[in-house]
Amino acid sequence: MEKQGRRERNKIRCRQRILRASRQLFSAKGYEETTMDDVAERSEVSKATLYNYFPGKDSLLMGIAEAELEQIREMIEGELAEEPSALERLRRVLEAFVLDSMCYISLSRKISYLNSCEDSGMFATRLEMVRILRGLVCQAQDAGELRRDMDADDITELVMGLYLITQFQWVHLERHPVSYWTERLDRAFLRVLACALPERNG
């Protein structure tokens, strides 16, 4: 059992190493210019091992997107589990999506484009992202932190729209520290969701 557990851990680490190398290469060289040979070399695995995990570059993109979603799910179940404010959980998750994408913005833009196309294999990752955000929106509505009379899908669209703005309209990311973009995102989050915030008497 211990040997089997060690083997599984080694597989997970190998997969993570491959995905990390592919992210770096796709960002530095571009998706089209990167070859599977490049990924195998950067990952320090044989081509046979690489193809055993990922049969092609499309599957690498899918793996990168799925790994990000898994990190977000772990974040919600872990460090955010004790956060009392549902609206703050929503803000923190959006912030994680945005800041993670900024590290590999050209790659993230490609993924965002592909997962918006219904005929793309990446479309499922968009649906999962929307499902995660919608769940957090519903929690905020249940807590009275967002208006219950607004459709949760409409509010989720606002949040997704803000995410896409950060992907395609924020430029020259390297000119400012992460704190600048975090503060800018916080301001935009409040502005975008202003219409969904409940009115406070007094």
N, C-alpha and C. Protein backbone atom coordinates (compact mmCIF):
# COMPACT_ATOMS: atom_id res chain seq x y z
N MET A 1 0.83 -1.21 0.00
CA MET A 1 0.00 0.00 0.00
C MET A 1 0.86 1.26 0.00
N GLU A 2 1.94 1.23 0.82
CA GLU A 2 2.82 2.38 0.88
C GLU A 2 3.52 2.61 -0.46
N LYS A 3 3.92 1.49 -1.10
CA LYS A 3 4.57 1.59 -2.41
C LYS A 3 3.63 2.16 -3.45
N GLN A 4 2.37 1.70 -3.41
CA GLN A 4 1.37 2.20 -4.34
C GLN A 4 1.10 3.68 -4.11
N GLY A 5 1.05 4.09 -2.83
CA GLY A 5 0.84 5.50 -2.53
C GLY A 5 1.98 6.36 -3.02
N ARG A 6 3.21 5.86 -2.88
CA ARG A 6 4.37 6.61 -3.36
C ARG A 6 4.33 6.74 -4.88
N ARG A 7 3.90 5.68 -5.55
CA ARG A 7 3.80 5.70 -7.01
C ARG A 7 2.78 6.74 -7.47
N GLU A 8 1.65 6.81 -6.78
CA GLU A 8 0.63 7.79 -7.13
C GLU A 8 1.13 9.21 -6.91
N ARG A 9 1.83 9.43 -5.81
CA ARG A 9 2.39 10.77 -5.54
C ARG A 9 3.39 11.17 -6.61
N ASN A 10 4.19 10.20 -7.06
CA ASN A 10 5.17 10.48 -8.11
C ASN A 10 4.47 10.84 -9.42
N LYS A 11 3.36 10.18 -9.70
CA LYS A 11 2.59 10.49 -10.91
C LYS A 11 2.03 11.91 -10.85
N ILE A 12 1.52 12.27 -9.68
CA ILE A 12 0.96 13.62 -9.51
C ILE A 12 2.05 14.66 -9.69
N ARG A 13 3.21 14.42 -9.07
CA ARG A 13 4.32 15.37 -9.20
C ARG A 13 4.80 15.49 -10.64
N CYS A 14 4.84 14.36 -11.34
CA CYS A 14 5.27 14.38 -12.74
C CYS A 14 4.28 15.17 -13.59
N ARG A 15 3.01 14.95 -13.37
CA ARG A 15 1.98 15.68 -14.11
C ARG A 15 2.08 17.18 -13.84
N GLN A 16 2.27 17.53 -12.58
CA GLN A 16 2.41 18.94 -12.23
C GLN A 16 3.64 19.56 -12.88
N ARG A 17 4.73 18.80 -12.93
CA ARG A 17 5.96 19.31 -13.55
C ARG A 17 5.75 19.56 -15.04
N ILE A 18 5.04 18.65 -15.69
CA ILE A 18 4.75 18.81 -17.12
C ILE A 18 3.89 20.04 -17.37
N LEU A 19 2.86 20.22 -16.55
CA LEU A 19 1.97 21.37 -16.72
C LEU A 19 2.70 22.68 -16.44
N ARG A 20 3.56 22.69 -15.43
CA ARG A 20 4.34 23.89 -15.12
C ARG A 20 5.26 24.24 -16.29
N ALA A 21 5.92 23.25 -16.86
CA ALA A 21 6.81 23.48 -17.99
C ALA A 21 6.04 23.98 -19.21
N SER A 22 4.88 23.39 -19.46
CA SER A 22 4.09 23.80 -20.63
C SER A 22 3.58 25.23 -20.47
N ARG A 23 3.17 25.62 -19.25
CA ARG A 23 2.75 27.00 -19.01
C ARG A 23 3.88 27.97 -19.34
N GLN A 24 5.06 27.64 -18.85
CA GLN A 24 6.21 28.50 -19.08
C GLN A 24 6.54 28.61 -20.57
N LEU A 25 6.52 27.49 -21.26
CA LEU A 25 6.86 27.49 -22.68
C LEU A 25 5.80 28.18 -23.52
N PHE A 26 4.53 27.89 -23.26
CA PHE A 26 3.46 28.53 -24.03
C PHE A 26 3.50 30.04 -23.86
N SER A 27 3.87 30.49 -22.66
CA SER A 27 3.93 31.93 -22.40
C SER A 27 5.15 32.56 -23.05
N ALA A 28 6.28 31.86 -22.98
CA ALA A 28 7.53 32.43 -23.49
C ALA A 28 7.65 32.34 -25.01
N LYS A 29 7.30 31.17 -25.56
CA LYS A 29 7.48 30.94 -27.00
C LYS A 29 6.20 31.13 -27.80
N GLY A 30 5.06 31.00 -27.13
CA GLY A 30 3.79 31.00 -27.83
C GLY A 30 3.29 29.57 -28.00
N TYR A 31 1.99 29.43 -28.01
CA TYR A 31 1.39 28.09 -28.10
C TYR A 31 1.76 27.40 -29.41
N GLU A 32 1.61 28.12 -30.53
CA GLU A 32 1.85 27.51 -31.83
C GLU A 32 3.30 27.11 -32.02
N GLU A 33 4.23 27.91 -31.47
CA GLU A 33 5.65 27.67 -31.68
C GLU A 33 6.21 26.59 -30.76
N THR A 34 5.52 26.29 -29.67
CA THR A 34 5.98 25.27 -28.73
C THR A 34 5.64 23.88 -29.25
N THR A 35 6.61 22.98 -29.20
CA THR A 35 6.38 21.60 -29.63
C THR A 35 6.31 20.68 -28.41
N MET A 36 5.79 19.51 -28.63
CA MET A 36 5.76 18.52 -27.56
C MET A 36 7.19 18.13 -27.17
N ASP A 37 8.11 18.16 -28.12
CA ASP A 37 9.52 17.91 -27.79
C ASP A 37 10.03 18.95 -26.80
N ASP A 38 9.65 20.21 -27.03
CA ASP A 38 10.04 21.28 -26.11
C ASP A 38 9.55 21.00 -24.69
N VAL A 39 8.29 20.59 -24.60
CA VAL A 39 7.68 20.33 -23.29
C VAL A 39 8.37 19.16 -22.61
N ALA A 40 8.66 18.10 -23.36
CA ALA A 40 9.34 16.94 -22.78
C ALA A 40 10.71 17.34 -22.25
N GLU A 41 11.44 18.12 -23.05
CA GLU A 41 12.78 18.55 -22.63
C GLU A 41 12.71 19.42 -21.38
N ARG A 42 11.82 20.41 -21.37
CA ARG A 42 11.72 21.30 -20.21
C ARG A 42 11.25 20.53 -18.97
N SER A 43 10.39 19.55 -19.17
CA SER A 43 9.85 18.78 -18.05
C SER A 43 10.82 17.72 -17.55
N GLU A 44 11.85 17.44 -18.36
CA GLU A 44 12.83 16.40 -18.06
C GLU A 44 12.16 15.03 -17.96
N VAL A 45 11.29 14.77 -18.95
CA VAL A 45 10.66 13.45 -19.08
C VAL A 45 10.82 12.99 -20.52
N SER A 46 10.68 11.70 -20.73
CA SER A 46 10.76 11.19 -22.09
C SER A 46 9.49 11.55 -22.85
N LYS A 47 9.59 11.51 -24.19
CA LYS A 47 8.38 11.80 -24.98
C LYS A 47 7.31 10.77 -24.71
N ALA A 48 7.71 9.53 -24.50
CA ALA A 48 6.72 8.48 -24.22
C ALA A 48 5.97 8.79 -22.94
N THR A 49 6.70 9.25 -21.92
CA THR A 49 6.05 9.60 -20.65
C THR A 49 5.11 10.78 -20.85
N LEU A 50 5.57 11.79 -21.59
CA LEU A 50 4.74 12.96 -21.84
C LEU A 50 3.44 12.57 -22.52
N TYR A 51 3.54 11.76 -23.58
CA TYR A 51 2.33 11.37 -24.32
C TYR A 51 1.44 10.45 -23.49
N ASN A 52 2.01 9.78 -22.51
CA ASN A 52 1.21 8.94 -21.63
C ASN A 52 0.27 9.80 -20.78
N TYR A 53 0.76 11.00 -20.41
CA TYR A 53 -0.06 11.92 -19.62
C TYR A 53 -0.92 12.81 -20.50
N PHE A 54 -0.33 13.32 -21.59
CA PHE A 54 -1.01 14.29 -22.45
C PHE A 54 -0.75 13.93 -23.91
N PRO A 55 -1.77 13.51 -24.65
CA PRO A 55 -1.57 13.08 -26.04
C PRO A 55 -1.28 14.21 -27.02
N GLY A 56 -1.46 15.47 -26.62
CA GLY A 56 -1.21 16.57 -27.54
C GLY A 56 -1.26 17.90 -26.81
N LYS A 57 -0.96 18.98 -27.55
CA LYS A 57 -0.94 20.31 -26.92
C LYS A 57 -2.31 20.73 -26.44
N ASP A 58 -3.36 20.34 -27.15
CA ASP A 58 -4.70 20.69 -26.70
C ASP A 58 -4.98 20.13 -25.30
N SER A 59 -4.53 18.90 -25.09
CA SER A 59 -4.76 18.28 -23.77
C SER A 59 -3.92 18.96 -22.70
N LEU A 60 -2.76 19.52 -23.08
CA LEU A 60 -1.98 20.31 -22.13
C LEU A 60 -2.73 21.57 -21.71
N LEU A 61 -3.33 22.25 -22.69
CA LEU A 61 -4.13 23.43 -22.36
C LEU A 61 -5.28 23.06 -21.42
N MET A 62 -5.93 21.96 -21.73
CA MET A 62 -7.03 21.51 -20.88
C MET A 62 -6.52 21.21 -19.48
N GLY A 63 -5.36 20.56 -19.40
CA GLY A 63 -4.79 20.24 -18.10
C GLY A 63 -4.46 21.48 -17.30
N ILE A 64 -3.93 22.50 -17.96
CA ILE A 64 -3.60 23.76 -17.29
C ILE A 64 -4.87 24.40 -16.71
N ALA A 65 -5.92 24.45 -17.52
CA ALA A 65 -7.18 25.05 -17.07
C ALA A 65 -7.80 24.25 -15.93
N GLU A 66 -7.77 22.93 -16.04
CA GLU A 66 -8.35 22.09 -15.00
C GLU A 66 -7.57 22.19 -13.69
N ALA A 67 -6.24 22.33 -13.80
CA ALA A 67 -5.41 22.47 -12.60
C ALA A 67 -5.75 23.77 -11.87
N GLU A 68 -5.99 24.84 -12.62
CA GLU A 68 -6.37 26.11 -12.01
C GLU A 68 -7.70 25.98 -11.29
N LEU A 69 -8.66 25.32 -11.92
CA LEU A 69 -9.97 25.14 -11.30
C LEU A 69 -9.86 24.30 -10.03
N GLU A 70 -9.00 23.30 -10.06
CA GLU A 70 -8.81 22.46 -8.88
C GLU A 70 -8.20 23.27 -7.73
N GLN A 71 -7.26 24.14 -8.04
CA GLN A 71 -6.68 25.01 -7.01
C GLN A 71 -7.74 25.92 -6.39
N ILE A 72 -8.63 26.42 -7.23
CA ILE A 72 -9.70 27.29 -6.73
C ILE A 72 -10.65 26.51 -5.83
N ARG A 73 -11.00 25.29 -6.23
CA ARG A 73 -11.88 24.45 -5.39
C ARG A 73 -11.22 24.17 -4.04
N GLU A 74 -9.92 23.88 -4.06
CA GLU A 74 -9.20 23.62 -2.81
C GLU A 74 -9.16 24.88 -1.94
N MET A 75 -9.03 26.03 -2.58
CA MET A 75 -9.03 27.30 -1.85
C MET A 75 -10.37 27.53 -1.16
N ILE A 76 -11.47 27.25 -1.86
CA ILE A 76 -12.80 27.44 -1.29
C ILE A 76 -13.03 26.50 -0.11
N GLU A 77 -12.59 25.25 -0.27
CA GLU A 77 -12.81 24.25 0.78
C GLU A 77 -11.81 24.39 1.92
N GLY A 78 -10.67 25.07 1.65
CA GLY A 78 -9.63 25.20 2.65
C GLY A 78 -9.61 26.56 3.32
N GLU A 79 -8.76 27.46 2.80
CA GLU A 79 -8.54 28.74 3.47
C GLU A 79 -9.77 29.64 3.53
N LEU A 80 -10.72 29.47 2.59
CA LEU A 80 -11.91 30.32 2.61
C LEU A 80 -13.08 29.71 3.39
N ALA A 81 -12.89 28.49 3.85
CA ALA A 81 -14.01 27.80 4.52
C ALA A 81 -14.47 28.55 5.78
N GLU A 82 -13.53 29.22 6.44
CA GLU A 82 -13.87 29.91 7.68
C GLU A 82 -14.18 31.39 7.47
N GLU A 83 -14.10 31.87 6.21
CA GLU A 83 -14.41 33.28 5.93
C GLU A 83 -15.91 33.50 6.12
N PRO A 84 -16.30 34.38 7.06
CA PRO A 84 -17.73 34.54 7.35
C PRO A 84 -18.51 35.25 6.26
N SER A 85 -17.86 36.08 5.46
CA SER A 85 -18.57 36.85 4.44
C SER A 85 -18.58 36.10 3.11
N ALA A 86 -19.78 35.79 2.63
CA ALA A 86 -19.90 35.11 1.34
C ALA A 86 -19.44 36.02 0.20
N LEU A 87 -19.71 37.32 0.34
CA LEU A 87 -19.29 38.26 -0.70
C LEU A 87 -17.76 38.35 -0.74
N GLU A 88 -17.12 38.28 0.41
CA GLU A 88 -15.66 38.30 0.45
C GLU A 88 -15.09 37.02 -0.18
N ARG A 89 -15.76 35.90 0.03
CA ARG A 89 -15.31 34.66 -0.62
C ARG A 89 -15.37 34.80 -2.13
N LEU A 90 -16.44 35.40 -2.62
CA LEU A 90 -16.58 35.63 -4.06
C LEU A 90 -15.47 36.54 -4.56
N ARG A 91 -15.21 37.62 -3.83
CA ARG A 91 -14.15 38.55 -4.24
C ARG A 91 -12.79 37.87 -4.25
N ARG A 92 -12.51 37.08 -3.24
CA ARG A 92 -11.22 36.41 -3.13
C ARG A 92 -11.02 35.39 -4.26
N VAL A 93 -12.07 34.69 -4.62
CA VAL A 93 -11.96 33.71 -5.70
C VAL A 93 -11.73 34.42 -7.03
N LEU A 94 -12.47 35.49 -7.29
CA LEU A 94 -12.25 36.26 -8.51
C LEU A 94 -10.82 36.79 -8.53
N GLU A 95 -10.35 37.29 -7.41
CA GLU A 95 -8.98 37.80 -7.32
C GLU A 95 -7.97 36.71 -7.66
N ALA A 96 -8.20 35.50 -7.15
CA ALA A 96 -7.29 34.39 -7.43
C ALA A 96 -7.27 34.06 -8.93
N PHE A 97 -8.45 34.01 -9.55
CA PHE A 97 -8.52 33.76 -11.00
C PHE A 97 -7.72 34.82 -11.75
N VAL A 98 -7.91 36.08 -11.38
CA VAL A 98 -7.27 37.19 -12.10
C VAL A 98 -5.76 37.19 -11.89
N LEU A 99 -5.31 37.11 -10.64
CA LEU A 99 -3.89 37.19 -10.36
C LEU A 99 -3.13 35.99 -10.92
N ASP A 100 -3.74 34.82 -10.86
CA ASP A 100 -3.09 33.64 -11.44
C ASP A 100 -2.92 33.79 -12.94
N SER A 101 -3.92 34.36 -13.59
CA SER A 101 -3.85 34.53 -15.05
C SER A 101 -2.81 35.56 -15.46
N MET A 102 -2.57 36.55 -14.59
CA MET A 102 -1.62 37.60 -14.93
C MET A 102 -0.19 37.07 -15.04
N CYS A 103 0.10 35.97 -14.35
CA CYS A 103 1.44 35.39 -14.43
C CYS A 103 1.72 34.82 -15.82
N TYR A 104 0.68 34.43 -16.53
CA TYR A 104 0.80 33.84 -17.87
C TYR A 104 -0.29 34.44 -18.75
N ILE A 105 -0.26 35.77 -18.90
CA ILE A 105 -1.42 36.44 -19.48
C ILE A 105 -1.69 36.06 -20.93
N SER A 106 -0.64 35.90 -21.76
CA SER A 106 -0.89 35.54 -23.15
C SER A 106 -1.52 34.15 -23.24
N LEU A 107 -1.06 33.24 -22.41
CA LEU A 107 -1.64 31.90 -22.38
C LEU A 107 -3.06 31.95 -21.84
N SER A 108 -3.28 32.73 -20.79
CA SER A 108 -4.62 32.85 -20.21
C SER A 108 -5.61 33.42 -21.20
N ARG A 109 -5.15 34.38 -22.01
CA ARG A 109 -6.04 34.94 -23.02
C ARG A 109 -6.44 33.89 -24.05
N LYS A 110 -5.50 33.05 -24.42
CA LYS A 110 -5.82 31.99 -25.38
C LYS A 110 -6.84 31.02 -24.79
N ILE A 111 -6.61 30.64 -23.53
CA ILE A 111 -7.54 29.73 -22.86
C ILE A 111 -8.92 30.37 -22.74
N SER A 112 -8.96 31.66 -22.36
CA SER A 112 -10.24 32.35 -22.22
C SER A 112 -10.99 32.40 -23.55
N TYR A 113 -10.24 32.61 -24.64
CA TYR A 113 -10.89 32.62 -25.96
C TYR A 113 -11.44 31.24 -26.30
N LEU A 114 -10.60 30.22 -26.12
CA LEU A 114 -11.02 28.87 -26.50
C LEU A 114 -12.18 28.38 -25.65
N ASN A 115 -12.17 28.71 -24.35
CA ASN A 115 -13.26 28.16 -23.53
C ASN A 115 -14.56 28.95 -23.68
N SER A 116 -14.54 29.99 -24.53
CA SER A 116 -15.78 30.70 -24.84
C SER A 116 -16.45 30.13 -26.09
N CYS A 117 -15.76 29.21 -26.78
CA CYS A 117 -16.29 28.62 -28.02
C CYS A 117 -16.96 27.29 -27.69
N GLU A 118 -18.25 27.19 -27.97
CA GLU A 118 -19.00 25.98 -27.59
C GLU A 118 -18.49 24.74 -28.29
N ASP A 119 -17.86 24.88 -29.46
CA ASP A 119 -17.37 23.71 -30.18
C ASP A 119 -15.94 23.34 -29.77
N SER A 120 -15.41 24.03 -28.76
CA SER A 120 -14.06 23.75 -28.27
C SER A 120 -14.13 22.78 -27.10
N GLY A 121 -13.13 21.91 -27.02
CA GLY A 121 -13.05 21.02 -25.87
C GLY A 121 -12.84 21.75 -24.57
N MET A 122 -12.40 23.01 -24.68
CA MET A 122 -12.16 23.83 -23.49
C MET A 122 -13.44 24.41 -22.91
N PHE A 123 -14.55 24.31 -23.63
CA PHE A 123 -15.78 24.96 -23.19
C PHE A 123 -16.22 24.45 -21.82
N ALA A 124 -15.93 23.19 -21.53
CA ALA A 124 -16.33 22.61 -20.24
C ALA A 124 -15.66 23.33 -19.08
N THR A 125 -14.43 23.83 -19.30
CA THR A 125 -13.76 24.54 -18.21
C THR A 125 -14.43 25.88 -17.93
N ARG A 126 -14.96 26.51 -18.96
CA ARG A 126 -15.72 27.75 -18.74
C ARG A 126 -16.98 27.48 -17.93
N LEU A 127 -17.68 26.40 -18.29
CA LEU A 127 -18.89 26.05 -17.56
C LEU A 127 -18.58 25.78 -16.08
N GLU A 128 -17.44 25.15 -15.82
CA GLU A 128 -17.07 24.87 -14.44
C GLU A 128 -16.72 26.15 -13.69
N MET A 129 -16.03 27.07 -14.36
CA MET A 129 -15.71 28.36 -13.74
C MET A 129 -17.00 29.11 -13.40
N VAL A 130 -17.94 29.13 -14.33
CA VAL A 130 -19.23 29.79 -14.09
C VAL A 130 -19.96 29.11 -12.94
N ARG A 131 -19.91 27.79 -12.89
CA ARG A 131 -20.59 27.05 -11.81
C ARG A 131 -20.01 27.44 -10.45
N ILE A 132 -18.69 27.55 -10.37
CA ILE A 132 -18.04 27.93 -9.11
C ILE A 132 -18.47 29.33 -8.69
N LEU A 133 -18.41 30.28 -9.63
CA LEU A 133 -18.77 31.66 -9.32
C LEU A 133 -20.25 31.77 -8.96
N ARG A 134 -21.09 31.05 -9.68
CA ARG A 134 -22.52 31.12 -9.41
C ARG A 134 -22.83 30.57 -8.01
N GLY A 135 -22.14 29.51 -7.63
CA GLY A 135 -22.34 28.97 -6.29
C GLY A 135 -22.02 29.98 -5.21
N LEU A 136 -20.94 30.75 -5.43
CA LEU A 136 -20.57 31.79 -4.47
C LEU A 136 -21.56 32.94 -4.48
N VAL A 137 -22.08 33.28 -5.65
CA VAL A 137 -23.10 34.32 -5.75
C VAL A 137 -24.35 33.90 -4.97
N CYS A 138 -24.77 32.66 -5.15
CA CYS A 138 -25.96 32.17 -4.43
C CYS A 138 -25.75 32.20 -2.92
N GLN A 139 -24.53 31.87 -2.48
CA GLN A 139 -24.23 31.93 -1.04
C GLN A 139 -24.35 33.37 -0.54
N ALA A 140 -23.86 34.32 -1.34
CA ALA A 140 -23.95 35.73 -0.94
C ALA A 140 -25.40 36.20 -0.93
N GLN A 141 -26.21 35.69 -1.85
CA GLN A 141 -27.64 36.04 -1.83
C GLN A 141 -28.32 35.46 -0.60
N ASP A 142 -28.01 34.21 -0.29
CA ASP A 142 -28.61 33.57 0.88
C ASP A 142 -28.23 34.31 2.16
N ALA A 143 -27.02 34.88 2.18
CA ALA A 143 -26.55 35.61 3.36
C ALA A 143 -27.06 37.05 3.40
N GLY A 144 -27.79 37.47 2.36
CA GLY A 144 -28.29 38.83 2.30
C GLY A 144 -27.25 39.86 1.90
N GLU A 145 -26.11 39.40 1.40
CA GLU A 145 -25.04 40.31 0.98
C GLU A 145 -25.18 40.73 -0.48
N LEU A 146 -25.98 39.99 -1.23
CA LEU A 146 -26.37 40.37 -2.58
C LEU A 146 -27.89 40.26 -2.68
N ARG A 147 -28.46 41.06 -3.55
CA ARG A 147 -29.92 41.12 -3.66
C ARG A 147 -30.51 39.76 -4.06
N ARG A 148 -31.52 39.36 -3.31
CA ARG A 148 -32.17 38.09 -3.60
C ARG A 148 -33.14 38.20 -4.77
N ASP A 149 -33.57 39.44 -5.08
CA ASP A 149 -34.53 39.61 -6.17
C ASP A 149 -33.87 39.68 -7.53
N MET A 150 -32.55 39.61 -7.58
CA MET A 150 -31.84 39.55 -8.86
C MET A 150 -31.51 38.10 -9.19
N ASP A 151 -31.57 37.78 -10.46
CA ASP A 151 -31.25 36.42 -10.91
C ASP A 151 -29.77 36.15 -10.67
N ALA A 152 -29.46 35.01 -10.07
CA ALA A 152 -28.07 34.65 -9.79
C ALA A 152 -27.25 34.57 -11.07
N ASP A 153 -27.88 34.14 -12.16
CA ASP A 153 -27.16 34.06 -13.43
C ASP A 153 -26.75 35.44 -13.93
N ASP A 154 -27.61 36.43 -13.70
CA ASP A 154 -27.29 37.80 -14.13
C ASP A 154 -26.10 38.35 -13.34
N ILE A 155 -26.09 38.08 -12.04
CA ILE A 155 -24.98 38.56 -11.21
C ILE A 155 -23.69 37.84 -11.60
N THR A 156 -23.80 36.56 -11.86
CA THR A 156 -22.62 35.78 -12.27
C THR A 156 -22.06 36.31 -13.58
N GLU A 157 -22.94 36.71 -14.49
CA GLU A 157 -22.48 37.29 -15.76
C GLU A 157 -21.69 38.58 -15.52
N LEU A 158 -22.10 39.36 -14.54
CA LEU A 158 -21.37 40.58 -14.21
C LEU A 158 -19.95 40.24 -13.74
N VAL A 159 -19.85 39.23 -12.90
CA VAL A 159 -18.54 38.83 -12.37
C VAL A 159 -17.67 38.27 -13.50
N MET A 160 -18.26 37.44 -14.34
CA MET A 160 -17.51 36.89 -15.48
C MET A 160 -17.08 38.00 -16.43
N GLY A 161 -17.95 38.97 -16.62
CA GLY A 161 -17.60 40.10 -17.49
C GLY A 161 -16.41 40.86 -16.94
N LEU A 162 -16.37 41.05 -15.62
CA LEU A 162 -15.23 41.73 -15.01
C LEU A 162 -13.96 40.91 -15.22
N TYR A 163 -14.06 39.60 -15.05
CA TYR A 163 -12.89 38.74 -15.29
C TYR A 163 -12.36 38.91 -16.71
N LEU A 164 -13.26 38.93 -17.69
CA LEU A 164 -12.83 39.06 -19.08
C LEU A 164 -12.23 40.44 -19.36
N ILE A 165 -12.71 41.45 -18.67
CA ILE A 165 -12.10 42.78 -18.80
C ILE A 165 -10.64 42.73 -18.35
N THR A 166 -10.39 42.07 -17.24
CA THR A 166 -9.01 41.97 -16.75
C THR A 166 -8.14 41.18 -17.72
N GLN A 167 -8.76 40.24 -18.44
CA GLN A 167 -8.00 39.42 -19.38
C GLN A 167 -7.61 40.18 -20.64
N PHE A 168 -8.56 40.93 -21.18
CA PHE A 168 -8.37 41.47 -22.53
C PHE A 168 -8.21 42.99 -22.59
N GLN A 169 -8.55 43.70 -21.52
CA GLN A 169 -8.42 45.15 -21.55
C GLN A 169 -7.31 45.68 -20.65
N TRP A 170 -6.89 44.91 -19.68
CA TRP A 170 -5.77 45.33 -18.86
C TRP A 170 -4.47 45.04 -19.63
N VAL A 171 -3.67 46.04 -19.85
CA VAL A 171 -2.43 45.88 -20.61
C VAL A 171 -1.25 46.44 -19.81
N HIS A 172 -0.05 46.16 -20.30
CA HIS A 172 1.19 46.62 -19.64
C HIS A 172 1.20 46.22 -18.17
N LEU A 173 0.89 44.97 -17.94
CA LEU A 173 0.77 44.48 -16.57
C LEU A 173 2.08 44.61 -15.80
N GLU A 174 3.18 44.55 -16.54
CA GLU A 174 4.49 44.59 -15.88
C GLU A 174 4.85 45.97 -15.34
N ARG A 175 4.10 46.98 -15.72
CA ARG A 175 4.43 48.35 -15.30
C ARG A 175 4.04 48.66 -13.86
N HIS A 176 3.22 47.81 -13.27
CA HIS A 176 2.75 48.08 -11.91
C HIS A 176 2.90 46.83 -11.04
N PRO A 177 3.06 47.01 -9.74
CA PRO A 177 3.14 45.86 -8.84
C PRO A 177 1.77 45.17 -8.71
N VAL A 178 1.80 43.98 -8.19
CA VAL A 178 0.56 43.22 -8.02
C VAL A 178 -0.44 43.99 -7.15
N SER A 179 0.06 44.72 -6.16
CA SER A 179 -0.83 45.47 -5.27
C SER A 179 -1.68 46.48 -6.04
N TYR A 180 -1.09 47.08 -7.09
CA TYR A 180 -1.83 48.05 -7.90
C TYR A 180 -3.03 47.36 -8.56
N TRP A 181 -2.78 46.19 -9.15
CA TRP A 181 -3.86 45.49 -9.86
C TRP A 181 -4.90 44.94 -8.88
N THR A 182 -4.44 44.54 -7.71
CA THR A 182 -5.38 44.05 -6.70
C THR A 182 -6.33 45.16 -6.26
N GLU A 183 -5.78 46.34 -6.00
CA GLU A 183 -6.62 47.47 -5.59
C GLU A 183 -7.55 47.88 -6.73
N ARG A 184 -7.06 47.84 -7.94
CA ARG A 184 -7.90 48.19 -9.09
C ARG A 184 -9.04 47.19 -9.25
N LEU A 185 -8.73 45.92 -9.04
CA LEU A 185 -9.77 44.89 -9.12
C LEU A 185 -10.81 45.08 -8.03
N ASP A 186 -10.37 45.40 -6.82
CA ASP A 186 -11.31 45.61 -5.71
C ASP A 186 -12.28 46.75 -6.03
N ARG A 187 -11.75 47.85 -6.57
CA ARG A 187 -12.63 48.98 -6.92
C ARG A 187 -13.63 48.57 -8.01
N ALA A 188 -13.13 47.87 -9.01
CA ALA A 188 -14.00 47.45 -10.11
C ALA A 188 -15.07 46.47 -9.62
N PHE A 189 -14.69 45.59 -8.71
CA PHE A 189 -15.62 44.60 -8.16
C PHE A 189 -16.80 45.29 -7.50
N LEU A 190 -16.51 46.31 -6.70
CA LEU A 190 -17.58 47.04 -6.01
C LEU A 190 -18.45 47.83 -6.98
N ARG A 191 -17.81 48.41 -8.00
CA ARG A 191 -18.59 49.18 -8.99
C ARG A 191 -19.49 48.27 -9.81
N VAL A 192 -18.92 47.15 -10.25
CA VAL A 192 -19.69 46.25 -11.11
C VAL A 192 -20.87 45.64 -10.35
N LEU A 193 -20.66 45.35 -9.07
CA LEU A 193 -21.73 44.71 -8.30
C LEU A 193 -22.59 45.70 -7.53
N ALA A 194 -22.39 46.98 -7.76
CA ALA A 194 -23.17 48.00 -7.04
C ALA A 194 -24.67 47.79 -7.22
N CYS A 195 -25.06 47.42 -8.43
CA CYS A 195 -26.49 47.23 -8.70
C CYS A 195 -27.05 45.98 -8.01
N ALA A 196 -26.15 45.09 -7.58
CA ALA A 196 -26.60 43.85 -6.95
C ALA A 196 -26.53 43.90 -5.43
N LEU A 197 -25.99 45.00 -4.89
CA LEU A 197 -25.90 45.13 -3.44
C LEU A 197 -27.24 45.56 -2.87
N PRO A 198 -27.65 44.97 -1.76
CA PRO A 198 -28.94 45.36 -1.16
C PRO A 198 -28.89 46.78 -0.63
N GLU A 199 -30.00 47.46 -0.70
CA GLU A 199 -30.08 48.81 -0.16
C GLU A 199 -30.04 48.75 1.36
N ARG A 200 -29.28 49.68 1.92
CA ARG A 200 -29.16 49.73 3.38
C ARG A 200 -30.02 50.88 3.90
N ASN A 201 -30.92 50.58 4.79
CA ASN A 201 -31.75 51.63 5.38
C ASN A 201 -30.92 52.49 6.32
N GLY A 202 -31.14 53.78 6.27
CA GLY A 202 -30.42 54.69 7.12
C GLY A 202 -29.08 55.01 6.58
